[in-house]
């Protein structure tokens, strides 16, 4: 499956190096992955003549790390100067009798580059989630490692 995206309205910002992209997708397989199985998403950057001059590819995590299921894959970077068209292609691998690959939530987002993107922004994807071990004092007051008090007593 392929989709063309006209980015010529922001070509002047792109040529100045002021546009970033974020390509994301959940990719995987309904069976244990090998190198030849699983879905992939390719993003091709094209100039005004329609020539592809840069490509970014998202691929699934291969077995033994991936196994069955889908895993979030993403790439972030600057849109190459001269880009006026982007083509996003989703490739699904077909097994002997069924489609063995899976994909969901494909996304391609352009943002204006900021001079200091890391300042004032939480760079952790799930910064609000806590999975830190607890420290407990006197069996009634517990503190997570991020320093938030908990009043749940220990059993």
Protein backbone atom coordinates (compact mmCIF):
# COMPACT_ATOMS: atom_id res chain seq x y z
CA UNK A 1 0.00 0.00 0.00
CA UNK A 2 1.33 3.40 -0.96
CA UNK A 3 0.37 6.98 -0.20
CA UNK A 4 1.89 10.09 -1.76
CA UNK A 5 2.08 13.27 0.33
CA UNK A 6 2.59 16.70 -1.24
CA UNK A 7 4.82 18.77 1.06
CA UNK A 8 5.47 21.57 -1.46
CA UNK A 9 3.53 24.13 0.64
CA UNK A 10 6.37 23.97 3.20
CA UNK A 11 9.21 23.55 0.68
CA UNK A 12 10.81 26.85 1.66
CA UNK A 13 11.02 25.77 5.32
CA UNK A 14 12.34 22.35 4.26
CA UNK A 15 15.06 23.91 2.07
CA UNK A 16 16.19 25.99 5.06
CA UNK A 17 16.47 22.84 7.19
CA UNK A 18 13.62 23.91 9.47
CA UNK A 19 11.35 20.85 9.20
CA UNK A 20 11.65 17.54 11.04
CA UNK A 21 9.76 14.30 10.45
CA UNK A 22 8.58 11.57 12.78
CA UNK A 23 7.65 8.25 11.18
CA UNK A 24 6.02 5.71 13.50
CA UNK A 25 4.20 2.42 13.15
CA UNK A 26 3.36 -0.68 15.11
CA UNK A 27 4.93 -3.47 13.06
CA UNK A 28 5.14 -7.20 13.58
CA UNK A 29 3.85 -10.60 12.70
CA UNK A 30 1.21 -13.14 13.61
CA UNK A 31 3.95 -15.78 13.76
CA UNK A 32 7.51 -15.71 15.09
CA UNK A 33 9.53 -13.37 12.91
CA UNK A 34 12.45 -14.17 10.72
CA UNK A 35 14.33 -11.60 8.68
CA UNK A 36 11.97 -12.13 5.73
CA UNK A 37 8.68 -11.88 7.67
CA UNK A 38 6.83 -8.98 9.16
CA UNK A 39 5.55 -5.67 7.89
CA UNK A 40 7.76 -2.72 6.97
CA UNK A 41 7.09 0.95 6.31
CA UNK A 42 9.28 2.93 3.93
CA UNK A 43 9.28 6.71 3.66
CA UNK A 44 10.76 8.01 0.39
CA UNK A 45 11.70 11.68 0.06
CA UNK A 46 11.42 13.00 -3.52
CA UNK A 47 12.50 16.19 -5.26
CA UNK A 48 10.51 18.30 -7.76
CA UNK A 49 11.54 15.94 -10.61
CA UNK A 50 10.05 12.99 -8.73
CA UNK A 51 13.47 11.47 -8.07
CA UNK A 52 13.83 9.67 -4.75
CA UNK A 53 16.99 10.85 -3.00
CA UNK A 54 16.54 9.58 0.54
CA UNK A 55 14.63 6.74 2.19
CA UNK A 56 13.86 5.84 5.80
CA UNK A 57 12.61 2.32 6.58
CA UNK A 58 10.89 1.04 9.70
CA UNK A 59 11.16 -2.71 10.17
CA UNK A 60 9.85 -5.10 12.82
CA UNK A 61 11.96 -6.51 15.61
CA UNK A 62 13.07 -9.97 14.49
CA UNK A 63 12.85 -13.18 16.52
CA UNK A 64 14.11 -14.00 19.22
CA UNK A 65 13.49 -10.48 20.52
CA UNK A 66 10.22 -9.76 18.73
CA UNK A 67 8.34 -13.03 18.43
CA UNK A 68 4.62 -12.71 17.80
CA UNK A 69 2.86 -9.39 18.04
CA UNK A 70 3.51 -5.80 17.09
CA UNK A 71 6.10 -3.40 18.44
CA UNK A 72 6.32 0.37 18.09
CA UNK A 73 9.02 1.43 15.67
CA UNK A 74 9.95 5.03 14.89
CA UNK A 75 12.51 7.24 13.24
CA UNK A 76 12.88 10.96 13.74
CA UNK A 77 15.05 13.33 11.75
CA UNK A 78 15.29 16.36 9.50
CA UNK A 79 13.41 16.36 6.19
CA UNK A 80 16.11 16.46 3.48
CA UNK A 81 16.44 19.81 1.70
CA UNK A 82 14.82 19.73 -1.73
CA UNK A 83 11.92 17.48 -0.68
CA UNK A 84 8.57 18.40 -2.24
CA UNK A 85 6.88 14.99 -2.14
CA UNK A 86 6.96 12.07 0.27
CA UNK A 87 5.80 8.54 -0.52
CA UNK A 88 4.93 6.21 2.36
CA UNK A 89 4.79 2.51 1.48
CA UNK A 90 3.54 -0.28 3.74
CA UNK A 91 4.76 -3.74 2.76
CA UNK A 92 3.04 -6.83 4.17
CA UNK A 93 4.77 -10.18 3.77
CA UNK A 94 2.64 -13.11 2.66
CA UNK A 95 3.31 -16.55 4.13
CA UNK A 96 2.65 -19.85 2.41
CA UNK A 97 -1.13 -19.66 2.91
CA UNK A 98 -1.81 -16.47 4.89
CA UNK A 99 -0.53 -12.99 5.51
CA UNK A 100 1.92 -13.41 8.37
CA UNK A 101 2.73 -9.74 8.94
CA UNK A 102 0.77 -7.08 10.79
CA UNK A 103 0.80 -3.28 10.99
CA UNK A 104 -1.21 -0.64 12.82
CA UNK A 105 -1.25 3.09 13.63
CA UNK A 106 1.03 4.25 10.82
CA UNK A 107 1.98 7.90 11.23
CA UNK A 108 4.11 10.43 9.39
CA UNK A 109 4.23 13.88 11.02
CA UNK A 110 6.12 17.01 10.00
CA UNK A 111 7.03 19.60 12.61
CA UNK A 112 8.86 22.87 12.44
CA UNK A 113 12.35 22.52 13.84
CA UNK A 114 13.00 24.42 17.05
CA UNK A 115 16.43 25.78 17.92
CA UNK A 116 16.38 24.17 21.39
CA UNK A 117 13.99 21.19 21.18
CA UNK A 118 15.27 19.51 24.36
CA UNK A 119 14.70 22.46 26.68
CA UNK A 120 11.41 22.59 28.54
CA UNK A 121 10.11 19.32 27.05
CA UNK A 122 9.84 15.90 28.65
CA UNK A 123 11.93 13.69 26.38
CA UNK A 124 10.80 10.45 28.06
CA UNK A 125 8.01 8.77 26.09
CA UNK A 126 6.14 7.59 29.20
CA UNK A 127 7.47 10.07 31.72
CA UNK A 128 4.38 9.85 33.94
CA UNK A 129 4.52 6.08 34.40
CA UNK A 130 6.14 4.87 37.61
CA UNK A 131 7.80 1.52 37.86
CA UNK A 132 10.47 2.44 40.38
CA UNK A 133 11.04 0.25 43.43
CA UNK A 134 9.70 1.60 46.71
CA UNK A 135 11.68 2.55 49.82
CA UNK A 136 9.74 2.21 53.04
CA UNK A 137 10.43 3.71 56.44
CA UNK A 138 8.78 2.56 59.69
CA UNK A 139 6.46 0.32 57.68
CA UNK A 140 3.94 3.14 57.12
CA UNK A 141 5.56 5.76 54.90
CA UNK A 142 6.91 4.64 51.54
CA UNK A 143 8.76 6.72 48.98
CA UNK A 144 9.21 5.83 45.35
CA UNK A 145 12.66 6.43 43.94
CA UNK A 146 11.33 9.53 42.24
CA UNK A 147 10.58 10.93 45.70
CA UNK A 148 6.79 10.83 45.83
CA UNK A 149 5.47 9.82 49.28
CA UNK A 150 3.13 6.84 49.61
CA UNK A 151 1.16 6.15 52.75
CA UNK A 152 0.31 2.54 51.96
CA UNK A 153 1.54 0.35 54.86
CA UNK A 154 3.50 -2.79 54.20
CA UNK A 155 1.77 -6.14 54.85
